[in-house]
Amino acid sequence: MIKFVIGGQVEKQKIADLVKSIGGDEVEVKVKNDLQAANDIKSGKADYYLGACHTGGGGALSMAIALLTKSKCATVSMPGKPPKKEDVIKAVNEGKIAFGFTGDHHEEAVKMIVEEILK
């Protein structure tokens, strides 16, 4: 079972529902505030953090960066720059565990991230 926590500032429930629809019985998903979500990753209670905001990196990842370090975080989309599959594959393979993206790209980003993690 892969445990996801959803933080960020926008689309939290939509992101959680999408993770569950893609991962099915292979995933557990909880929506939390940013601090709780990042703490769950740091303490080992969860495996991956997903968050969305309007820029893809600010409100989506600020607590994750503060608690987990930037080396464990990846911004996979920004305004006008949708997520790219090759960037997501690279981030997962590099061991990134916290992913930020813009709210308007949440469907594409979540699909790419969760599918790559489940491989």
Protein backbone atom coordinates (compact mmCIF):
# COMPACT_ATOMS: atom_id res chain seq x y z
CA MET A 1 0.00 0.00 0.00
CA ILE A 2 1.42 3.36 -1.05
CA LYS A 3 0.35 6.21 1.20
CA PHE A 4 -0.27 9.66 -0.29
CA VAL A 5 -0.95 12.88 1.58
CA ILE A 6 -2.49 15.83 -0.20
CA GLY A 7 -1.42 19.31 0.84
CA GLY A 8 -1.19 22.52 -1.16
CA GLN A 9 -3.67 25.33 -1.46
CA VAL A 10 -6.17 24.36 -4.18
CA GLU A 11 -8.08 21.35 -5.53
CA LYS A 12 -7.20 19.13 -2.55
CA GLN A 13 -10.27 16.89 -2.65
CA LYS A 14 -10.19 16.61 -6.45
CA ILE A 15 -6.54 15.55 -6.25
CA ALA A 16 -7.30 13.00 -3.53
CA ASP A 17 -10.21 11.56 -5.51
CA LEU A 18 -8.06 11.32 -8.63
CA VAL A 19 -5.22 9.53 -6.79
CA LYS A 20 -7.74 7.03 -5.42
CA SER A 21 -9.37 6.49 -8.83
CA ILE A 22 -5.98 5.83 -10.47
CA GLY A 23 -4.44 3.77 -7.66
CA GLY A 24 -7.49 1.90 -6.41
CA ASP A 25 -6.64 -0.60 -3.70
CA GLU A 26 -2.91 0.05 -4.10
CA VAL A 27 -3.12 3.50 -2.49
CA GLU A 28 -4.25 5.18 0.69
CA VAL A 29 -4.99 8.91 0.42
CA LYS A 30 -5.45 11.54 3.12
CA VAL A 31 -6.11 15.27 2.73
CA LYS A 32 -4.26 17.38 5.30
CA ASN A 33 -2.97 20.88 5.78
CA ASP A 34 0.54 21.49 4.44
CA LEU A 35 2.32 21.19 7.75
CA GLN A 36 0.59 17.95 8.74
CA ALA A 37 1.14 16.46 5.29
CA ALA A 38 4.86 17.28 5.21
CA ASN A 39 5.25 16.01 8.78
CA ASP A 40 3.58 12.72 7.80
CA ILE A 41 6.19 12.28 5.06
CA LYS A 42 9.07 13.20 7.36
CA SER A 43 7.91 10.82 10.10
CA GLY A 44 7.28 7.93 7.70
CA LYS A 45 3.49 7.90 8.13
CA ALA A 46 3.10 8.59 4.39
CA ASP A 47 5.18 7.91 1.29
CA TYR A 48 4.34 10.74 -1.12
CA TYR A 49 3.09 14.32 -0.91
CA LEU A 50 1.08 15.99 -3.68
CA GLY A 51 0.05 19.63 -3.63
CA ALA A 52 -1.33 22.26 -5.96
CA CYS A 53 -1.33 26.04 -5.90
CA HIS A 54 -1.48 28.81 -8.47
CA THR A 55 2.27 28.79 -9.20
CA GLY A 56 3.11 25.10 -8.78
CA GLY A 57 5.88 25.60 -6.26
CA GLY A 58 4.95 28.23 -3.68
CA GLY A 59 1.89 27.22 -1.68
CA ALA A 60 2.03 23.73 -3.14
CA LEU A 61 5.46 22.87 -1.76
CA SER A 62 6.66 25.48 0.73
CA MET A 63 6.16 23.33 3.86
CA ALA A 64 7.46 20.22 2.09
CA ILE A 65 10.61 22.07 1.05
CA ALA A 66 11.07 23.44 4.57
CA LEU A 67 10.72 20.05 6.27
CA LEU A 68 11.98 17.60 3.65
CA THR A 69 14.55 19.79 1.80
CA LYS A 70 14.37 20.93 -1.77
CA SER A 71 16.25 17.82 -2.92
CA LYS A 72 13.18 15.68 -2.11
CA CYS A 73 10.69 17.99 -3.88
CA ALA A 74 9.79 18.62 -7.52
CA THR A 75 7.65 21.24 -9.20
CA VAL A 76 6.19 19.45 -12.22
CA SER A 77 4.09 22.28 -13.67
CA MET A 78 3.87 26.06 -13.54
CA PRO A 79 1.55 28.61 -15.16
CA GLY A 80 1.82 28.15 -18.92
CA LYS A 81 4.10 25.13 -18.50
CA PRO A 82 2.12 21.88 -18.27
CA PRO A 83 3.71 18.76 -16.80
CA LYS A 84 5.93 16.65 -19.04
CA LYS A 85 6.02 12.90 -18.64
CA GLU A 86 9.82 12.75 -18.98
CA ASP A 87 10.22 15.28 -16.14
CA VAL A 88 7.91 13.26 -13.88
CA ILE A 89 9.74 10.02 -14.68
CA LYS A 90 13.07 11.69 -13.91
CA ALA A 91 11.79 13.12 -10.61
CA VAL A 92 10.40 9.78 -9.41
CA ASN A 93 13.60 7.97 -10.44
CA GLU A 94 15.68 10.58 -8.55
CA GLY A 95 13.74 9.77 -5.37
CA LYS A 96 11.58 12.87 -5.16
CA ILE A 97 8.72 12.31 -2.71
CA ALA A 98 6.89 15.65 -2.79
CA PHE A 99 5.35 17.00 -5.98
CA GLY A 100 3.86 20.42 -6.68
CA PHE A 101 1.86 21.58 -9.67
CA THR A 102 -0.69 24.22 -10.63
CA GLY A 103 -4.34 23.62 -9.91
CA ASP A 104 -5.27 23.85 -13.57
CA HIS A 105 -2.83 21.03 -14.40
CA HIS A 106 -3.84 18.75 -11.54
CA GLU A 107 -5.48 16.09 -13.70
CA GLU A 108 -2.48 15.66 -16.00
CA ALA A 109 0.11 15.94 -13.23
CA VAL A 110 -1.57 13.54 -10.82
CA LYS A 111 -2.11 10.92 -13.54
CA MET A 112 1.56 11.05 -14.58
CA ILE A 113 2.91 11.03 -11.01
CA VAL A 114 0.72 8.25 -9.63
CA GLU A 115 1.14 6.01 -12.67
CA GLU A 116 4.92 6.39 -12.50
CA ILE A 117 5.03 5.68 -8.77
CA LEU A 118 2.87 2.57 -9.21
CA LYS A 119 5.20 1.06 -11.83
